Amino acid sequence: MVMKITTSDAWEAAYMILHGVQLEEIEGMQTNNRIICRMILSGENITKLQLTYLNGDAEANVLKMRSMVGQVNAWMYAAKKKFKNQVNQEITSRAQGGDA
């Protein structure tokens, strides 16, 4: 059975992707005046992988992990930038609509 989890942890996402989990969605969101990323991951063994990661028993090739964390961070940066641009466009749009 394919399960889904949500995380904002780049290391957790990288670990899971290296173990065959799919990144289904990544989006920026605002929380406590900060922009964070939410990633939705899915896979057959995702619950077991998550427990292994959270219990500190995760194992991965260090070079592959470092590379994947860099990739996940790049995706997160792009998602945050996209979200920030959308917020700025909404603010600009409201300001222009208020002036008319």
PDB file of N, CA and C in Angstrom:
ATOM      1  N   MET A   1       0.839  -1.183   0.000  1.00  0.00           N
ATOM      2  CA  MET A   1       0.000   0.000   0.000  1.00  0.00           C
ATOM      3  C   MET A   1       0.882   1.244   0.000  1.00  0.00           C
ATOM      4  N   VAL A   2       0.606   2.168  -0.906  1.00  0.00           N
ATOM      5  CA  VAL A   2       1.363   3.408  -0.991  1.00  0.00           C
ATOM      6  C   VAL A   2       0.851   4.369   0.081  1.00  0.00           C
ATOM      7  N   MET A   3       1.765   4.850   0.889  1.00  0.00           N
ATOM      8  CA  MET A   3       1.428   5.790   1.956  1.00  0.00           C
ATOM      9  C   MET A   3       2.072   7.135   1.641  1.00  0.00           C
ATOM     10  N   LYS A   4       1.585   8.184   2.299  1.00  0.00           N
ATOM     11  CA  LYS A   4       2.142   9.529   2.124  1.00  0.00           C
ATOM     12  C   LYS A   4       2.492  10.117   3.481  1.00  0.00           C
ATOM     13  N   ILE A   5       3.546  10.923   3.482  1.00  0.00           N
ATOM     14  CA  ILE A   5       3.894  11.705   4.667  1.00  0.00           C
ATOM     15  C   ILE A   5       4.216  13.126   4.224  1.00  0.00           C
ATOM     16  N   THR A   6       4.172  14.022   5.182  1.00  0.00           N
ATOM     17  CA  THR A   6       4.529  15.417   4.945  1.00  0.00           C
ATOM     18  C   THR A   6       5.690  15.765   5.869  1.00  0.00           C
ATOM     19  N   THR A   7       6.678  16.481   5.318  1.00  0.00           N
ATOM     20  CA  THR A   7       7.823  16.902   6.121  1.00  0.00           C
ATOM     21  C   THR A   7       8.350  18.234   5.611  1.00  0.00           C
ATOM     22  N   SER A   8       9.052  18.928   6.461  1.00  0.00           N
ATOM     23  CA  SER A   8       9.773  20.134   6.049  1.00  0.00           C
ATOM     24  C   SER A   8      11.271  19.952   6.306  1.00  0.00           C
ATOM     25  N   ASP A   9      11.670  18.727   6.612  1.00  0.00           N
ATOM     26  CA  ASP A   9      13.053  18.377   6.933  1.00  0.00           C
ATOM     27  C   ASP A   9      13.781  17.914   5.665  1.00  0.00           C
ATOM     28  N   ALA A  10      14.742  18.699   5.203  1.00  0.00           N
ATOM     29  CA  ALA A  10      15.484  18.366   3.981  1.00  0.00           C
ATOM     30  C   ALA A  10      16.246  17.052   4.120  1.00  0.00           C
ATOM     31  N   TRP A  11      16.798  16.787   5.290  1.00  0.00           N
ATOM     32  CA  TRP A  11      17.560  15.551   5.490  1.00  0.00           C
ATOM     33  C   TRP A  11      16.640  14.334   5.458  1.00  0.00           C
ATOM     34  N   GLU A  12      15.484  14.453   6.080  1.00  0.00           N
ATOM     35  CA  GLU A  12      14.521  13.353   6.063  1.00  0.00           C
ATOM     36  C   GLU A  12      14.067  13.074   4.631  1.00  0.00           C
ATOM     37  N   ALA A  13      13.735  14.125   3.893  1.00  0.00           N
ATOM     38  CA  ALA A  13      13.293  13.968   2.508  1.00  0.00           C
ATOM     39  C   ALA A  13      14.398  13.338   1.665  1.00  0.00           C
ATOM     40  N   ALA A  14      15.634  13.798   1.831  1.00  0.00           N
ATOM     41  CA  ALA A  14      16.757  13.254   1.061  1.00  0.00           C
ATOM     42  C   ALA A  14      16.957  11.771   1.355  1.00  0.00           C
ATOM     43  N   TYR A  15      16.908  11.404   2.621  1.00  0.00           N
ATOM     44  CA  TYR A  15      17.052  10.001   3.021  1.00  0.00           C
ATOM     45  C   TYR A  15      15.985   9.144   2.349  1.00  0.00           C
ATOM     46  N   MET A  16      14.775   9.625   2.384  1.00  0.00           N
ATOM     47  CA  MET A  16      13.673   8.835   1.825  1.00  0.00           C
ATOM     48  C   MET A  16      13.761   8.730   0.302  1.00  0.00           C
ATOM     49  N   ILE A  17      14.115   9.822  -0.350  1.00  0.00           N
ATOM     50  CA  ILE A  17      14.249   9.799  -1.812  1.00  0.00           C
ATOM     51  C   ILE A  17      15.346   8.814  -2.219  1.00  0.00           C
ATOM     52  N   LEU A  18      16.446   8.799  -1.476  1.00  0.00           N
ATOM     53  CA  LEU A  18      17.520   7.851  -1.765  1.00  0.00           C
ATOM     54  C   LEU A  18      17.077   6.403  -1.594  1.00  0.00           C
ATOM     55  N   HIS A  19      16.026   6.193  -0.818  1.00  0.00           N
ATOM     56  CA  HIS A  19      15.516   4.845  -0.578  1.00  0.00           C
ATOM     57  C   HIS A  19      14.251   4.559  -1.397  1.00  0.00           C
ATOM     58  N   GLY A  20      14.062   5.300  -2.491  1.00  0.00           N
ATOM     59  CA  GLY A  20      13.008   4.968  -3.442  1.00  0.00           C
ATOM     60  C   GLY A  20      11.674   5.654  -3.269  1.00  0.00           C
ATOM     61  N   VAL A  21      11.573   6.563  -2.314  1.00  0.00           N
ATOM     62  CA  VAL A  21      10.323   7.295  -2.096  1.00  0.00           C
ATOM     63  C   VAL A  21      10.212   8.403  -3.145  1.00  0.00           C
ATOM     64  N   GLN A  22       8.999   8.724  -3.540  1.00  0.00           N
ATOM     65  CA  GLN A  22       8.751   9.756  -4.542  1.00  0.00           C
ATOM     66  C   GLN A  22       8.389  11.087  -3.876  1.00  0.00           C
ATOM     67  N   LEU A  23       8.973  12.166  -4.373  1.00  0.00           N
ATOM     68  CA  LEU A  23       8.584  13.513  -3.951  1.00  0.00           C
ATOM     69  C   LEU A  23       7.417  13.916  -4.830  1.00  0.00           C
ATOM     70  N   GLU A  24       6.229  13.994  -4.246  1.00  0.00           N
ATOM     71  CA  GLU A  24       5.022  14.301  -5.016  1.00  0.00           C
ATOM     72  C   GLU A  24       4.777  15.794  -5.158  1.00  0.00           C
ATOM     73  N   GLU A  25       5.087  16.522  -4.103  1.00  0.00           N
ATOM     74  CA  GLU A  25       4.781  17.961  -4.117  1.00  0.00           C
ATOM     75  C   GLU A  25       5.709  18.688  -3.156  1.00  0.00           C
ATOM     76  N   ILE A  26       6.049  19.897  -3.527  1.00  0.00           N
ATOM     77  CA  ILE A  26       6.816  20.765  -2.640  1.00  0.00           C
ATOM     78  C   ILE A  26       6.238  22.162  -2.797  1.00  0.00           C
ATOM     79  N   GLU A  27       5.962  22.805  -1.684  1.00  0.00           N
ATOM     80  CA  GLU A  27       5.394  24.146  -1.751  1.00  0.00           C
ATOM     81  C   GLU A  27       5.853  24.984  -0.581  1.00  0.00           C
ATOM     82  N   GLY A  28       5.965  26.269  -0.837  1.00  0.00           N
ATOM     83  CA  GLY A  28       6.275  27.218   0.228  1.00  0.00           C
ATOM     84  C   GLY A  28       5.002  27.581   0.960  1.00  0.00           C
ATOM     85  N   MET A  29       5.154  27.907   2.217  1.00  0.00           N
ATOM     86  CA  MET A  29       4.005  28.349   3.008  1.00  0.00           C
ATOM     87  C   MET A  29       4.498  29.243   4.138  1.00  0.00           C
ATOM     88  N   GLN A  30       3.613  30.104   4.599  1.00  0.00           N
ATOM     89  CA  GLN A  30       3.974  31.037   5.666  1.00  0.00           C
ATOM     90  C   GLN A  30       3.505  30.499   7.002  1.00  0.00           C
ATOM     91  N   THR A  31       4.403  30.550   7.983  1.00  0.00           N
ATOM     92  CA  THR A  31       4.058  30.161   9.333  1.00  0.00           C
ATOM     93  C   THR A  31       4.892  31.002  10.294  1.00  0.00           C
ATOM     94  N   ASN A  32       4.255  31.619  11.243  1.00  0.00           N
ATOM     95  CA  ASN A  32       4.943  32.458  12.231  1.00  0.00           C
ATOM     96  C   ASN A  32       5.884  33.463  11.575  1.00  0.00           C
ATOM     97  N   ASN A  33       5.380  34.168  10.567  1.00  0.00           N
ATOM     98  CA  ASN A  33       6.131  35.199   9.838  1.00  0.00           C
ATOM     99  C   ASN A  33       7.394  34.665   9.152  1.00  0.00           C
ATOM    100  N   ARG A  34       7.436  33.369   8.878  1.00  0.00           N
ATOM    101  CA  ARG A  34       8.550  32.751   8.160  1.00  0.00           C
ATOM    102  C   ARG A  34       7.988  31.960   6.993  1.00  0.00           C
ATOM    103  N   ILE A  35       8.773  31.850   5.952  1.00  0.00           N
ATOM    104  CA  ILE A  35       8.396  31.006   4.830  1.00  0.00           C
ATOM    105  C   ILE A  35       9.130  29.681   4.981  1.00  0.00           C
ATOM    106  N   ILE A  36       8.367  28.603   5.022  1.00  0.00           N
ATOM    107  CA  ILE A  36       8.942  27.265   5.117  1.00  0.00           C
ATOM    108  C   ILE A  36       8.460  26.446   3.925  1.00  0.00           C
ATOM    109  N   CYS A  37       9.009  25.266   3.772  1.00  0.00           N
ATOM    110  CA  CYS A  37       8.583  24.368   2.704  1.00  0.00           C
ATOM    111  C   CYS A  37       7.927  23.140   3.296  1.00  0.00           C
ATOM    112  N   ARG A  38       6.908  22.702   2.596  1.00  0.00           N
ATOM    113  CA  ARG A  38       6.227  21.467   2.954  1.00  0.00           C
ATOM    114  C   ARG A  38       6.413  20.518   1.780  1.00  0.00           C
ATOM    115  N   MET A  39       6.913  19.331   2.067  1.00  0.00           N
ATOM    116  CA  MET A  39       7.117  18.331   1.027  1.00  0.00           C
ATOM    117  C   MET A  39       6.208  17.148   1.303  1.00  0.00           C
ATOM    118  N   ILE A  40       5.538  16.682   0.266  1.00  0.00           N
ATOM    119  CA  ILE A  40       4.711  15.489   0.368  1.00  0.00           C
ATOM    120  C   ILE A  40       5.450  14.370  -0.356  1.00  0.00           C
ATOM    121  N   LEU A  41       5.710  13.302   0.380  1.00  0.00           N
ATOM    122  CA  LEU A  41       6.441  12.149  -0.131  1.00  0.00           C
ATOM    123  C   LEU A  41       5.533  10.931  -0.098  1.00  0.00           C
ATOM    124  N   SER A  42       5.721  10.031  -1.055  1.00  0.00           N
ATOM    125  CA  SER A  42       4.907   8.816  -1.063  1.00  0.00           C
ATOM    126  C   SER A  42       5.759   7.613  -1.429  1.00  0.00           C
ATOM    127  N   GLY A  43       5.355   6.459  -0.906  1.00  0.00           N
ATOM    128  CA  GLY A  43       6.069   5.229  -1.214  1.00  0.00           C
ATOM    129  C   GLY A  43       5.517   4.047  -0.442  1.00  0.00           C
ATOM    130  N   GLU A  44       5.939   2.888  -0.879  1.00  0.00           N
ATOM    131  CA  GLU A  44       5.468   1.635  -0.281  1.00  0.00           C
ATOM    132  C   GLU A  44       5.914   1.489   1.178  1.00  0.00           C
ATOM    133  N   ASN A  45       7.185   1.745   1.438  1.00  0.00           N
ATOM    134  CA  ASN A  45       7.755   1.495   2.763  1.00  0.00           C
ATOM    135  C   ASN A  45       8.044   2.784   3.525  1.00  0.00           C
ATOM    136  N   ILE A  46       7.288   3.813   3.237  1.00  0.00           N
ATOM    137  CA  ILE A  46       7.597   5.139   3.774  1.00  0.00           C
ATOM    138  C   ILE A  46       7.463   5.218   5.305  1.00  0.00           C
ATOM    139  N   THR A  47       6.493   4.535   5.871  1.00  0.00           N
ATOM    140  CA  THR A  47       6.301   4.582   7.324  1.00  0.00           C
ATOM    141  C   THR A  47       7.497   3.947   8.036  1.00  0.00           C
ATOM    142  N   LYS A  48       7.961   2.812   7.513  1.00  0.00           N
ATOM    143  CA  LYS A  48       9.124   2.150   8.098  1.00  0.00           C
ATOM    144  C   LYS A  48      10.365   3.023   7.964  1.00  0.00           C
ATOM    145  N   LEU A  49      10.549   3.632   6.794  1.00  0.00           N
ATOM    146  CA  LEU A  49      11.695   4.524   6.584  1.00  0.00           C
ATOM    147  C   LEU A  49      11.648   5.710   7.543  1.00  0.00           C
ATOM    148  N   GLN A  50      10.458   6.273   7.731  1.00  0.00           N
ATOM    149  CA  GLN A  50      10.325   7.423   8.625  1.00  0.00           C
ATOM    150  C   GLN A  50      10.676   7.036  10.062  1.00  0.00           C
ATOM    151  N   LEU A  51      10.189   5.903  10.516  1.00  0.00           N
ATOM    152  CA  LEU A  51      10.511   5.453  11.873  1.00  0.00           C
ATOM    153  C   LEU A  51      12.008   5.197  12.025  1.00  0.00           C
ATOM    154  N   THR A  52      12.614   4.591  11.008  1.00  0.00           N
ATOM    155  CA  THR A  52      14.058   4.351  11.040  1.00  0.00           C
ATOM    156  C   THR A  52      14.804   5.673  11.139  1.00  0.00           C
ATOM    157  N   TYR A  53      14.404   6.653  10.344  1.00  0.00           N
ATOM    158  CA  TYR A  53      15.049   7.974  10.363  1.00  0.00           C
ATOM    159  C   TYR A  53      14.866   8.652  11.721  1.00  0.00           C
ATOM    160  N   LEU A  54      13.635   8.690  12.210  1.00  0.00           N
ATOM    161  CA  LEU A  54      13.342   9.393  13.458  1.00  0.00           C
ATOM    162  C   LEU A  54      13.968   8.715  14.682  1.00  0.00           C
ATOM    163  N   ASN A  55      14.189   7.405  14.598  1.00  0.00           N
ATOM    164  CA  ASN A  55      14.825   6.683  15.699  1.00  0.00           C
ATOM    165  C   ASN A  55      16.346   6.771  15.660  1.00  0.00           C
ATOM    166  N   GLY A  56      16.888   7.414  14.622  1.00  0.00           N
ATOM    167  CA  GLY A  56      18.336   7.575  14.526  1.00  0.00           C
ATOM    168  C   GLY A  56      19.053   6.353  13.983  1.00  0.00           C
ATOM    169  N   ASP A  57      18.309   5.459  13.351  1.00  0.00           N
ATOM    170  CA  ASP A  57      18.908   4.235  12.817  1.00  0.00           C
ATOM    171  C   ASP A  57      19.079   4.273  11.301  1.00  0.00           C
ATOM    172  N   ALA A  58      18.909   5.437  10.701  1.00  0.00           N
ATOM    173  CA  ALA A  58      18.994   5.563   9.244  1.00  0.00           C
ATOM    174  C   ALA A  58      20.433   5.372   8.775  1.00  0.00           C
ATOM    175  N   GLU A  59      20.558   4.667   7.647  1.00  0.00           N
ATOM    176  CA  GLU A  59      21.861   4.471   7.029  1.00  0.00           C
ATOM    177  C   GLU A  59      21.774   4.863   5.566  1.00  0.00           C
ATOM    178  N   ALA A  60      22.834   5.529   5.085  1.00  0.00           N
ATOM    179  CA  ALA A  60      22.871   5.940   3.682  1.00  0.00           C
ATOM    180  C   ALA A  60      24.320   6.168   3.282  1.00  0.00           C
ATOM    181  N   ASN A  61      24.583   6.086   2.000  1.00  0.00           N
ATOM    182  CA  ASN A  61      25.888   6.428   1.450  1.00  0.00           C
ATOM    183  C   ASN A  61      26.102   7.925   1.670  1.00  0.00           C
ATOM    184  N   VAL A  62      27.184   8.284   2.324  1.00  0.00           N
ATOM    185  CA  VAL A  62      27.423   9.674   2.718  1.00  0.00           C
ATOM    186  C   VAL A  62      27.493  10.614   1.510  1.00  0.00           C
ATOM    187  N   LEU A  63      28.196  10.217   0.467  1.00  0.00           N
ATOM    188  CA  LEU A  63      28.313  11.084  -0.706  1.00  0.00           C
ATOM    189  C   LEU A  63      26.975  11.266  -1.415  1.00  0.00           C
ATOM    190  N   LYS A  64      26.205  10.182  -1.542  1.00  0.00           N
ATOM    191  CA  LYS A  64      24.884  10.285  -2.165  1.00  0.00           C
ATOM    192  C   LYS A  64      23.946  11.129  -1.309  1.00  0.00           C
ATOM    193  N   MET A  65      24.044  10.968   0.008  1.00  0.00           N
ATOM    194  CA  MET A  65      23.199  11.733   0.916  1.00  0.00           C
ATOM    195  C   MET A  65      23.519  13.218   0.832  1.00  0.00           C
ATOM    196  N   ARG A  66      24.793  13.545   0.832  1.00  0.00           N
ATOM    197  CA  ARG A  66      25.206  14.950   0.735  1.00  0.00           C
ATOM    198  C   ARG A  66      24.701  15.574  -0.560  1.00  0.00           C
ATOM    199  N   SER A  67      24.825  14.844  -1.635  1.00  0.00           N
ATOM    200  CA  SER A  67      24.355  15.327  -2.931  1.00  0.00           C
ATOM    201  C   SER A  67      22.841  15.511  -2.948  1.00  0.00           C
ATOM    202  N   MET A  68      22.111  14.553  -2.388  1.00  0.00           N
ATOM    203  CA  MET A  68      20.647  14.634  -2.384  1.00  0.00           C
ATOM    204  C   MET A  68      20.157  15.754  -1.468  1.00  0.00           C
ATOM    205  N   VAL A  69      20.811  15.968  -0.334  1.00  0.00           N
ATOM    206  CA  VAL A  69      20.421  17.075   0.550  1.00  0.00           C
ATOM    207  C   VAL A  69      20.611  18.398  -0.194  1.00  0.00           C
ATOM    208  N   GLY A  70      21.689  18.527  -0.940  1.00  0.00           N
ATOM    209  CA  GLY A  70      21.899  19.734  -1.739  1.00  0.00           C
ATOM    210  C   GLY A  70      20.789  19.924  -2.766  1.00  0.00           C
ATOM    211  N   GLN A  71      20.370  18.836  -3.401  1.00  0.00           N
ATOM    212  CA  GLN A  71      19.286  18.913  -4.385  1.00  0.00           C
ATOM    213  C   GLN A  71      17.971  19.300  -3.720  1.00  0.00           C
ATOM    214  N   VAL A  72      17.661  18.672  -2.593  1.00  0.00           N
ATOM    215  CA  VAL A  72      16.420  18.993  -1.872  1.00  0.00           C
ATOM    216  C   VAL A  72      16.445  20.452  -1.423  1.00  0.00           C
ATOM    217  N   ASN A  73      17.578  20.929  -0.930  1.00  0.00           N
ATOM    218  CA  ASN A  73      17.684  22.335  -0.525  1.00  0.00           C
ATOM    219  C   ASN A  73      17.451  23.270  -1.707  1.00  0.00           C
ATOM    220  N   ALA A  74      17.939  22.901  -2.879  1.00  0.00           N
ATOM    221  CA  ALA A  74      17.707  23.719  -4.075  1.00  0.00           C
ATOM    222  C   ALA A  74      16.218  23.753  -4.422  1.00  0.00           C
ATOM    223  N   TRP A  75      15.553  22.602  -4.339  1.00  0.00           N
ATOM    224  CA  TRP A  75      14.105  22.561  -4.594  1.00  0.00           C
ATOM    225  C   TRP A  75      13.350  23.406  -3.570  1.00  0.00           C
ATOM    226  N   MET A  76      13.786  23.335  -2.298  1.00  0.00           N
ATOM    227  CA  MET A  76      13.133  24.105  -1.249  1.00  0.00           C
ATOM    228  C   MET A  76      13.332  25.604  -1.481  1.00  0.00           C
ATOM    229  N   TYR A  77      14.534  26.001  -1.872  1.00  0.00           N
ATOM    230  CA  TYR A  77      14.818  27.410  -2.151  1.00  0.00           C
ATOM    231  C   TYR A  77      13.912  27.915  -3.274  1.00  0.00           C
ATOM    232  N   ALA A  78      13.782  27.117  -4.333  1.00  0.00           N
ATOM    233  CA  ALA A  78      12.936  27.501  -5.470  1.00  0.00           C
ATOM    234  C   ALA A  78      11.471  27.615  -5.044  1.00  0.00           C
ATOM    235  N   ALA A  79      11.001  26.699  -4.212  1.00  0.00           N
ATOM    236  CA  ALA A  79       9.608  26.736  -3.746  1.00  0.00           C
ATOM    237  C   ALA A  79       9.363  27.954  -2.863  1.00  0.00           C
ATOM    238  N   LYS A  80      10.312  28.269  -1.996  1.00  0.00           N
ATOM    239  CA  LYS A  80      10.182  29.453  -1.139  1.00  0.00           C
ATOM    240  C   LYS A  80      10.173  30.731  -1.974  1.00  0.00           C
ATOM    241  N   LYS A  81      11.051  30.785  -2.968  1.00  0.00           N
ATOM    242  CA  LYS A  81      11.128  31.959  -3.839  1.00  0.00           C
ATOM    243  C   LYS A  81       9.824  32.131  -4.617  1.00  0.00           C
ATOM    244  N   LYS A  82       9.281  31.039  -5.132  1.00  0.00           N
ATOM    245  CA  LYS A  82       8.009  31.081  -5.860  1.00  0.00           C
ATOM    246  C   LYS A  82       6.887  31.580  -4.956  1.00  0.00           C
ATOM    247  N   PHE A  83       6.838  31.051  -3.725  1.00  0.00           N
ATOM    248  CA  PHE A  83       5.803  31.472  -2.779  1.00  0.00           C
ATOM    249  C   PHE A  83       5.943  32.953  -2.452  1.00  0.00           C
ATOM    250  N   LYS A  84       7.169  33.414  -2.205  1.00  0.00           N
ATOM    251  CA  LYS A  84       7.413  34.817  -1.877  1.00  0.00           C
ATOM    252  C   LYS A  84       6.981  35.723  -3.033  1.00  0.00           C
ATOM    253  N   ASN A  85       7.289  35.313  -4.269  1.00  0.00           N
ATOM    254  CA  ASN A  85       6.874  36.088  -5.438  1.00  0.00           C
ATOM    255  C   ASN A  85       5.358  36.148  -5.561  1.00  0.00           C
ATOM    256  N   GLN A  86       4.670  35.039  -5.271  1.00  0.00           N
ATOM    257  CA  GLN A  86       3.217  35.018  -5.315  1.00  0.00           C
ATOM    258  C   GLN A  86       2.621  35.963  -4.276  1.00  0.00           C
ATOM    259  N   VAL A  87       3.188  35.951  -3.080  1.00  0.00           N
ATOM    260  CA  VAL A  87       2.709  36.844  -2.012  1.00  0.00           C
ATOM    261  C   VAL A  87       2.921  38.294  -2.418  1.00  0.00           C
ATOM    262  N   ASN A  88       4.113  38.597  -2.951  1.00  0.00           N
ATOM    263  CA  ASN A  88       4.404  39.967  -3.378  1.00  0.00           C
ATOM    264  C   ASN A  88       3.473  40.416  -4.499  1.00  0.00           C
ATOM    265  N   GLN A  89       3.142  39.525  -5.429  1.00  0.00           N
ATOM    266  CA  GLN A  89       2.217  39.856  -6.514  1.00  0.00           C
ATOM    267  C   GLN A  89       0.818  40.140  -5.972  1.00  0.00           C
ATOM    268  N   GLU A  90       0.390  39.353  -4.987  1.00  0.00           N
ATOM    269  CA  GLU A  90      -0.922  39.575  -4.376  1.00  0.00           C
ATOM    270  C   GLU A  90      -0.957  40.924  -3.670  1.00  0.00           C
ATOM    271  N   ILE A  91       0.099  41.252  -2.964  1.00  0.00           N
ATOM    272  CA  ILE A  91       0.164  42.538  -2.256  1.00  0.00           C
ATOM    273  C   ILE A  91       0.132  43.692  -3.264  1.00  0.00           C
ATOM    274  N   THR A  92       0.919  43.558  -4.325  1.00  0.00           N
ATOM    275  CA  THR A  92       0.958  44.587  -5.372  1.00  0.00           C
ATOM    276  C   THR A  92      -0.405  44.725  -6.029  1.00  0.00           C
ATOM    277  N   SER A  93      -1.026  43.604  -6.319  1.00  0.00           N
ATOM    278  CA  SER A  93      -2.347  43.602  -6.973  1.00  0.00           C
ATOM    279  C   SER A  93      -3.385  44.289  -6.093  1.00  0.00           C
ATOM    280  N   ARG A  94      -3.364  43.978  -4.785  1.00  0.00           N
ATOM    281  CA  ARG A  94      -4.316  44.615  -3.854  1.00  0.00           C
ATOM    282  C   ARG A  94      -4.068  46.109  -3.750  1.00  0.00           C
ATOM    283  N   ALA A  95      -2.785  46.473  -3.717  1.00  0.00           N
ATOM    284  CA  ALA A  95      -2.434  47.908  -3.608  1.00  0.00           C
ATOM    285  C   ALA A  95      -2.882  48.662  -4.846  1.00  0.00           C
ATOM    286  N   GLN A  96      -2.707  48.091  -6.001  1.00  0.00           N
ATOM    287  CA  GLN A  96      -3.126  48.753  -7.243  1.00  0.00           C
ATOM    288  C   GLN A  96      -4.640  48.803  -7.339  1.00  0.00           C
ATOM    289  N   GLY A  97      -5.298  47.758  -6.885  1.00  0.00           N
ATOM    290  CA  GLY A  97      -6.767  47.738  -6.902  1.00  0.00           C
ATOM    291  C   GLY A  97      -7.350  48.753  -5.929  1.00  0.00           C
ATOM    292  N   GLY A  98      -6.662  48.980  -4.825  1.00  0.00           N
ATOM    293  CA  GLY A  98      -7.126  49.957  -3.827  1.00  0.00           C
ATOM    294  C   GLY A  98      -6.963  51.385  -4.282  1.00  0.00           C
ATOM    295  N   ASP A  99      -5.997  51.630  -5.166  1.00  0.00           N
ATOM    296  CA  ASP A  99      -5.732  52.985  -5.653  1.00  0.00           C
ATOM    297  C   ASP A  99      -6.695  53.395  -6.759  1.00  0.00           C
ATOM    298  N   ALA A 100      -7.278  52.406  -7.439  1.00  0.00           N
ATOM    299  CA  ALA A 100      -8.125  52.731  -8.594  1.00  0.00           C
ATOM    300  C   ALA A 100      -9.454  53.288  -8.197  1.00  0.00           C
TER     301      ALA A 100
END
